[in-house]
Amino acid sequence: MERPYTISANDPGIMDLVDYDLSEAERHLEIWMSNHPDDCLVEGKNPLTIRIYPTFFEDPEQKLQRDAHKKRMRRFREGRWPEQRPYRREWQWK
């Protein structure tokens, strides 16, 4: 599962880490790019802007929980949830 996003050397989060020094921010991005050559693409040079394609590895147990949650939400949207059914007479106390 890939979620691409763009990061620039002048983004506030990066600039805060390097005390607002643009050349230092670009240097950090270039170091990251050299360590992850298959995970990024340069989009701009002034300031340095890269598109990152990280791959997230998921725990099988988390996948099962997420799929079960999706199934419950689908049932709820389709009106197949017990609370959404009309009140049935045979369920009443006698």
C-alpha atoms as a PDB file:
ATOM      1  CA  MET A   1       0.000   0.000   0.000  1.00  0.00           C
ATOM      2  CA  GLU A   2       1.603   3.251  -1.127  1.00  0.00           C
ATOM      3  CA  ARG A   3       0.650   6.786  -0.184  1.00  0.00           C
ATOM      4  CA  PRO A   4       2.685   9.355  -2.120  1.00  0.00           C
ATOM      5  CA  TYR A   5       3.140  12.824  -0.710  1.00  0.00           C
ATOM      6  CA  THR A   6       5.249  15.871  -1.511  1.00  0.00           C
ATOM      7  CA  ILE A   7       7.728  17.488   0.833  1.00  0.00           C
ATOM      8  CA  SER A   8       9.710  20.644   0.233  1.00  0.00           C
ATOM      9  CA  ALA A   9      12.850  22.040   1.845  1.00  0.00           C
ATOM     10  CA  ASN A  10      10.934  25.148   2.915  1.00  0.00           C
ATOM     11  CA  ASP A  11       8.113  23.267   4.667  1.00  0.00           C
ATOM     12  CA  PRO A  12       7.600  24.590   8.209  1.00  0.00           C
ATOM     13  CA  GLY A  13       8.287  21.212   9.831  1.00  0.00           C
ATOM     14  CA  ILE A  14      11.689  20.844   8.186  1.00  0.00           C
ATOM     15  CA  MET A  15      12.650  24.500   8.580  1.00  0.00           C
ATOM     16  CA  ASP A  16      11.904  24.285  12.296  1.00  0.00           C
ATOM     17  CA  LEU A  17      14.264  21.307  12.633  1.00  0.00           C
ATOM     18  CA  VAL A  18      17.185  23.139  10.999  1.00  0.00           C
ATOM     19  CA  ASP A  19      16.641  26.587  12.563  1.00  0.00           C
ATOM     20  CA  TYR A  20      15.244  28.060   9.335  1.00  0.00           C
ATOM     21  CA  ASP A  21      18.388  27.475   7.264  1.00  0.00           C
ATOM     22  CA  LEU A  22      17.257  26.557   3.725  1.00  0.00           C
ATOM     23  CA  SER A  23      20.630  25.165   2.617  1.00  0.00           C
ATOM     24  CA  GLU A  24      20.739  22.907   5.686  1.00  0.00           C
ATOM     25  CA  ALA A  25      17.178  21.716   4.988  1.00  0.00           C
ATOM     26  CA  GLU A  26      18.108  20.889   1.383  1.00  0.00           C
ATOM     27  CA  ARG A  27      21.191  19.035   2.602  1.00  0.00           C
ATOM     28  CA  HIS A  28      19.065  16.896   4.923  1.00  0.00           C
ATOM     29  CA  LEU A  29      16.652  16.101   2.089  1.00  0.00           C
ATOM     30  CA  GLU A  30      19.547  15.182  -0.223  1.00  0.00           C
ATOM     31  CA  ILE A  31      20.962  12.836   2.428  1.00  0.00           C
ATOM     32  CA  TRP A  32      17.552  11.225   2.811  1.00  0.00           C
ATOM     33  CA  MET A  33      17.265  10.879  -0.985  1.00  0.00           C
ATOM     34  CA  SER A  34      20.669   9.187  -1.211  1.00  0.00           C
ATOM     35  CA  ASN A  35      19.627   6.699   1.489  1.00  0.00           C
ATOM     36  CA  HIS A  36      16.252   5.960  -0.184  1.00  0.00           C
ATOM     37  CA  PRO A  37      16.874   6.123  -3.958  1.00  0.00           C
ATOM     38  CA  ASP A  38      13.824   4.019  -4.893  1.00  0.00           C
ATOM     39  CA  ASP A  39      11.355   5.852  -2.660  1.00  0.00           C
ATOM     40  CA  CYS A  40      11.436   9.382  -4.055  1.00  0.00           C
ATOM     41  CA  LEU A  41      11.301  11.560  -7.159  1.00  0.00           C
ATOM     42  CA  VAL A  42      12.642  15.124  -7.456  1.00  0.00           C
ATOM     43  CA  GLU A  43       9.859  17.529  -8.441  1.00  0.00           C
ATOM     44  CA  GLY A  44      11.605  20.877  -8.106  1.00  0.00           C
ATOM     45  CA  LYS A  45      15.052  22.330  -7.520  1.00  0.00           C
ATOM     46  CA  ASN A  46      14.454  25.804  -6.096  1.00  0.00           C
ATOM     47  CA  PRO A  47      13.670  25.052  -3.282  1.00  0.00           C
ATOM     48  CA  LEU A  48      14.261  21.325  -3.372  1.00  0.00           C
ATOM     49  CA  THR A  49      10.919  19.526  -3.580  1.00  0.00           C
ATOM     50  CA  ILE A  50      10.578  15.762  -3.653  1.00  0.00           C
ATOM     51  CA  ARG A  51       7.686  13.345  -3.988  1.00  0.00           C
ATOM     52  CA  ILE A  52       8.021  10.438  -1.589  1.00  0.00           C
ATOM     53  CA  TYR A  53       6.550   7.002  -2.261  1.00  0.00           C
ATOM     54  CA  PRO A  54       6.972   5.144   1.038  1.00  0.00           C
ATOM     55  CA  THR A  55       5.731   1.600   1.351  1.00  0.00           C
ATOM     56  CA  PHE A  56       3.897   0.794   4.552  1.00  0.00           C
ATOM     57  CA  PHE A  57       4.064  -2.780   5.729  1.00  0.00           C
ATOM     58  CA  GLU A  58       1.031  -3.865   7.649  1.00  0.00           C
ATOM     59  CA  ASP A  59       0.726  -6.369  10.454  1.00  0.00           C
ATOM     60  CA  PRO A  60      -1.624  -9.254   9.449  1.00  0.00           C
ATOM     61  CA  GLU A  61      -3.593  -8.832  12.685  1.00  0.00           C
ATOM     62  CA  GLN A  62      -4.175  -5.137  11.902  1.00  0.00           C
ATOM     63  CA  LYS A  63      -5.378  -6.085   8.423  1.00  0.00           C
ATOM     64  CA  LEU A  64      -7.910  -8.528   9.890  1.00  0.00           C
ATOM     65  CA  GLN A  65      -9.169  -5.876  12.314  1.00  0.00           C
ATOM     66  CA  ARG A  66      -9.418  -3.266   9.548  1.00  0.00           C
ATOM     67  CA  ASP A  67     -11.300  -5.662   7.256  1.00  0.00           C
ATOM     68  CA  ALA A  68     -13.729  -6.581  10.059  1.00  0.00           C
ATOM     69  CA  HIS A  69     -14.315  -2.868  10.743  1.00  0.00           C
ATOM     70  CA  LYS A  70     -14.977  -2.238   7.034  1.00  0.00           C
ATOM     71  CA  LYS A  71     -17.473  -5.107   6.997  1.00  0.00           C
ATOM     72  CA  ARG A  72     -19.294  -3.719  10.055  1.00  0.00           C
ATOM     73  CA  MET A  73     -19.450  -0.236   8.532  1.00  0.00           C
ATOM     74  CA  ARG A  74     -20.731  -1.611   5.219  1.00  0.00           C
ATOM     75  CA  ARG A  75     -23.489  -3.501   7.087  1.00  0.00           C
ATOM     76  CA  PHE A  76     -24.366  -0.307   8.966  1.00  0.00           C
ATOM     77  CA  ARG A  77     -24.557   1.785   5.768  1.00  0.00           C
ATOM     78  CA  GLU A  78     -26.745  -0.826   4.075  1.00  0.00           C
ATOM     79  CA  GLY A  79     -29.144  -0.904   7.014  1.00  0.00           C
ATOM     80  CA  ARG A  80     -28.327  -4.462   8.016  1.00  0.00           C
ATOM     81  CA  TRP A  81     -27.333  -3.543  11.560  1.00  0.00           C
ATOM     82  CA  PRO A  82     -29.585  -4.935  14.340  1.00  0.00           C
ATOM     83  CA  GLU A  83     -30.340  -1.463  15.745  1.00  0.00           C
ATOM     84  CA  GLN A  84     -31.539  -0.274  12.336  1.00  0.00           C
ATOM     85  CA  ARG A  85     -34.094  -3.034  11.836  1.00  0.00           C
ATOM     86  CA  PRO A  86     -37.722  -2.206  12.502  1.00  0.00           C
ATOM     87  CA  TYR A  87     -38.958  -3.250  15.913  1.00  0.00           C
ATOM     88  CA  ARG A  88     -40.402  -6.753  15.662  1.00  0.00           C
ATOM     89  CA  ARG A  89     -43.467  -7.752  17.639  1.00  0.00           C
ATOM     90  CA  GLU A  90     -42.080 -11.142  18.701  1.00  0.00           C
ATOM     91  CA  TRP A  91     -39.179  -9.401  20.447  1.00  0.00           C
ATOM     92  CA  GLN A  92     -41.503  -7.670  22.892  1.00  0.00           C
ATOM     93  CA  TRP A  93     -41.710  -8.859  26.472  1.00  0.00           C
ATOM     94  CA  LYS A  94     -44.907 -10.728  27.249  1.00  0.00           C
END
